[in-house]
Amino acid sequence: MTATHSVVPSIYRRDRGETKLLRTEIHNGCWIGLGVTILPGIVIGEGCVIAAGSVVNKNCEKNGLYAGVPAKRVKDLPVLSLYPFHNGVEVDESFD
C-alpha cells in the first residue's frame, strides 16, 4: 500500500491529515529491478519485467518489459506455461 497527499503551502500542510491511501498491485511472475520507483495506485500486470532505475507512473499491461523515466513498454515478452506439453515443451513435474 502506498500513500499520497495534496500539495499546498506549508502553513496548510501541518496537521491536516489529508493522506490518501492508494493500492498498488504487483501481479504474479513480475520482476522489479533495483531502484525502481512505483507511484501510488499503479497496477503491474502479470509477467512484467521493470528495468532497474525505472519510474513507473502508469499501469503496466501484462507480459511486457518496461524501462525508463518514465517507464515505457519497450518489448513484448513471450508467454510461457509451466504445464506439461504446453508451448511444445515437456516439463518433468516429478520432485524425487
Foldseek 3Di string as FASTA:
>chain_A
DDWDADDDPPVPPPPPPRIDAADEAEDPQEAEAACEAEDGNEYEEYNEYEYHNEYDPHHHHHQFYWYDDPTDGDGGHDDDDQDACPPNHGHDPDDD
